[in-house]
Amino acid sequence: MSDVEMPDVRELVPHSGAMVLLDRVVSADHDNLCAEVRIHANSMLASQQGVGAWVGIEYMAQAIAAHAGWKGRLLGEPARVGFLLGSRKYQASVPYFVPGSVLRVHVHRVLQGENGLGAFDCRIELADAPGQLPEQAPALATATVTVFQPHNVNQFLEDGNAG
């Protein structure tokens, strides 16, 4: 899908206001989503150097949430709450994401169970890596992220039953 066809990211994630860290969804399909985020010096998560690379795990989690929201939207469902269970080998090649830069957050679903458990390979790179084709841009951060989206989040929170 092209940029024009992509819904507003705020319609896809179960976040609101300043907690929506992604700026837009660039593309999505059955197993993949690419989102962008512009790093602002006045971000609530920024220090003098920029946004700490540790925030990349939240960018990845929100891109996964946007993927779930995009798929749900195709079925006429609203965005649903999910849980970040953990990450395997979160590695960042930079200590900070520099203000003014635009990041591309790529998520690829490697497995999704009927029970709501899923795993995604994730990658963050510069959107405008000079002289590089998008698929050759160096990774600023990578991880495999494990998530859980219960069918009934309220029931799960009340009694631990993912129903």
Protein backbone atom coordinates (compact mmCIF):
# COMPACT_ATOMS: atom_id res chain seq x y z
CA MET A 1 0.00 0.00 0.00
CA SER A 2 1.15 3.54 -0.63
CA ASP A 3 1.38 6.43 1.84
CA VAL A 4 -1.93 7.83 0.58
CA GLU A 5 -3.83 4.68 1.54
CA MET A 6 -2.38 4.39 5.05
CA PRO A 7 -4.63 5.44 7.94
CA ASP A 8 -3.46 7.87 10.59
CA VAL A 9 -1.27 6.02 13.10
CA ARG A 10 -3.44 7.36 15.96
CA GLU A 11 -6.32 5.29 14.56
CA LEU A 12 -4.25 2.10 14.71
CA VAL A 13 -2.66 2.15 18.17
CA PRO A 14 -4.45 2.03 21.53
CA HIS A 15 -2.46 5.08 22.71
CA SER A 16 -3.46 8.72 22.82
CA GLY A 17 -1.96 12.19 22.98
CA ALA A 18 1.76 12.51 23.62
CA MET A 19 2.05 8.76 24.18
CA VAL A 20 1.75 8.14 20.42
CA LEU A 21 5.42 8.25 19.49
CA LEU A 22 5.15 7.26 15.83
CA ASP A 23 4.36 9.94 13.25
CA ARG A 24 2.98 7.89 10.40
CA VAL A 25 2.63 4.47 8.86
CA VAL A 26 4.52 4.23 5.58
CA SER A 27 3.44 0.75 4.47
CA ALA A 28 1.76 -2.39 5.78
CA ASP A 29 0.88 -5.88 4.66
CA HIS A 30 -0.06 -9.22 6.22
CA ASP A 31 3.27 -9.71 8.04
CA ASN A 32 5.03 -6.33 7.84
CA LEU A 33 4.68 -2.69 8.77
CA CYS A 34 6.98 0.29 8.32
CA ALA A 35 6.44 3.46 10.34
CA GLU A 36 8.30 6.74 10.67
CA VAL A 37 9.15 8.87 13.66
CA ARG A 38 10.85 12.29 13.58
CA ILE A 39 13.14 12.91 16.53
CA HIS A 40 12.39 16.25 18.20
CA ALA A 41 14.75 18.03 20.61
CA ASN A 42 11.77 19.02 22.77
CA SER A 43 10.36 15.48 23.01
CA MET A 44 9.39 14.46 26.53
CA LEU A 45 11.93 11.63 26.17
CA ALA A 46 14.82 13.77 24.89
CA SER A 47 17.97 14.82 26.71
CA GLN A 48 20.55 17.31 25.45
CA GLN A 49 22.02 14.64 23.16
CA GLY A 50 18.70 13.45 21.73
CA VAL A 51 16.33 10.60 22.46
CA GLY A 52 18.11 7.68 24.13
CA ALA A 53 18.38 4.64 21.90
CA TRP A 54 16.64 2.61 24.63
CA VAL A 55 13.38 4.30 23.48
CA GLY A 56 13.74 2.31 20.27
CA ILE A 57 12.07 -0.66 21.97
CA GLU A 58 8.94 1.48 22.46
CA TYR A 59 9.05 2.61 18.82
CA MET A 60 9.16 -1.06 17.88
CA ALA A 61 6.31 -1.94 20.26
CA GLN A 62 4.13 0.84 18.85
CA ALA A 63 4.88 -0.27 15.28
CA ILE A 64 3.76 -3.78 16.28
CA ALA A 65 0.60 -2.28 17.82
CA ALA A 66 0.02 -0.34 14.58
CA HIS A 67 0.37 -3.60 12.63
CA ALA A 68 -2.23 -5.27 14.86
CA GLY A 69 -4.46 -2.20 14.48
CA TRP A 70 -4.04 -2.20 10.71
CA LYS A 71 -5.00 -5.88 10.50
CA GLY A 72 -7.94 -5.33 12.87
CA ARG A 73 -9.11 -2.37 10.80
CA LEU A 74 -9.32 -4.63 7.74
CA LEU A 75 -11.81 -6.73 9.77
CA GLY A 76 -13.71 -3.66 10.98
CA GLU A 77 -12.36 -3.95 14.55
CA PRO A 78 -11.05 -1.08 16.72
CA ALA A 79 -7.46 -0.92 17.98
CA ARG A 80 -7.00 -3.31 20.91
CA VAL A 81 -4.64 -3.24 23.87
CA GLY A 82 -1.70 -5.62 23.78
CA PHE A 83 1.31 -6.26 26.00
CA LEU A 84 5.03 -6.08 25.31
CA LEU A 85 6.34 -9.24 26.95
CA GLY A 86 9.98 -8.70 26.22
CA SER A 87 12.71 -8.46 23.66
CA ARG A 88 15.54 -10.68 22.66
CA LYS A 89 18.86 -9.09 21.86
CA TYR A 90 17.89 -5.43 21.66
CA GLN A 91 21.01 -3.93 20.14
CA ALA A 92 21.57 -0.29 19.29
CA SER A 93 24.53 0.95 17.27
CA VAL A 94 24.07 4.52 18.56
CA PRO A 95 23.54 5.85 22.10
CA TYR A 96 20.98 8.48 20.98
CA PHE A 97 18.62 9.18 18.11
CA VAL A 98 19.65 12.66 16.98
CA PRO A 99 17.10 15.52 16.89
CA GLY A 100 15.97 16.30 13.35
CA SER A 101 16.52 12.76 12.10
CA VAL A 102 13.68 10.68 10.71
CA LEU A 103 13.70 7.02 11.66
CA ARG A 104 12.04 4.14 9.86
CA VAL A 105 10.79 1.40 12.15
CA HIS A 106 10.32 -1.93 10.35
CA VAL A 107 8.49 -4.84 12.00
CA HIS A 108 8.14 -8.32 10.51
CA ARG A 109 5.81 -10.87 12.11
CA VAL A 110 7.66 -14.17 12.41
CA LEU A 111 4.95 -15.97 14.37
CA GLN A 112 1.47 -15.34 15.73
CA GLY A 113 -0.51 -17.92 17.67
CA GLU A 114 -4.28 -18.18 17.97
CA ASN A 115 -3.76 -17.50 21.69
CA GLY A 116 -2.51 -13.95 21.00
CA LEU A 117 1.22 -14.59 21.46
CA GLY A 118 3.44 -13.24 18.72
CA ALA A 119 7.04 -12.49 17.84
CA PHE A 120 8.34 -9.78 15.50
CA ASP A 121 11.78 -9.10 14.07
CA CYS A 122 12.29 -5.35 14.30
CA ARG A 123 14.76 -2.88 12.82
CA ILE A 124 15.23 0.88 13.08
CA GLU A 125 17.17 2.80 10.46
CA LEU A 126 17.49 6.35 9.17
CA ALA A 127 14.78 7.16 6.64
CA ASP A 128 17.13 9.33 4.63
CA ALA A 129 20.42 7.44 4.76
CA PRO A 130 22.45 9.39 2.15
CA GLY A 131 23.56 7.36 -0.84
CA GLN A 132 21.94 4.18 0.44
CA LEU A 133 19.07 2.17 -0.96
CA PRO A 134 16.46 1.66 1.80
CA GLU A 135 17.27 -2.05 2.12
CA GLN A 136 20.98 -1.21 2.54
CA ALA A 137 20.61 1.43 5.26
CA PRO A 138 22.58 0.49 8.37
CA ALA A 139 20.53 -0.60 11.37
CA LEU A 140 20.47 1.82 14.28
CA ALA A 141 18.69 -0.76 16.44
CA THR A 142 17.42 -4.34 16.10
CA ALA A 143 15.49 -6.78 18.28
CA THR A 144 13.09 -9.66 18.28
CA VAL A 145 10.07 -8.50 20.26
CA THR A 146 7.55 -10.82 21.91
CA VAL A 147 3.99 -9.56 22.39
CA PHE A 148 0.65 -10.77 23.73
CA GLN A 149 -2.77 -9.54 22.68
CA PRO A 150 -5.50 -11.34 24.64
CA HIS A 151 -8.89 -11.71 22.98
CA ASN A 152 -10.55 -10.04 25.99
CA VAL A 153 -8.11 -7.68 27.71
CA ASN A 154 -10.51 -6.73 30.54
CA GLN A 155 -11.11 -10.35 31.46
CA PHE A 156 -7.39 -11.01 31.31
CA LEU A 157 -6.62 -8.09 33.61
CA GLU A 158 -9.31 -9.15 36.09
CA ASP A 159 -8.61 -12.84 36.37
CA GLY A 160 -5.67 -13.77 34.16
CA ASN A 161 -7.90 -15.62 31.69
CA ALA A 162 -6.98 -14.64 28.13
CA GLY A 163 -10.44 -15.87 26.94
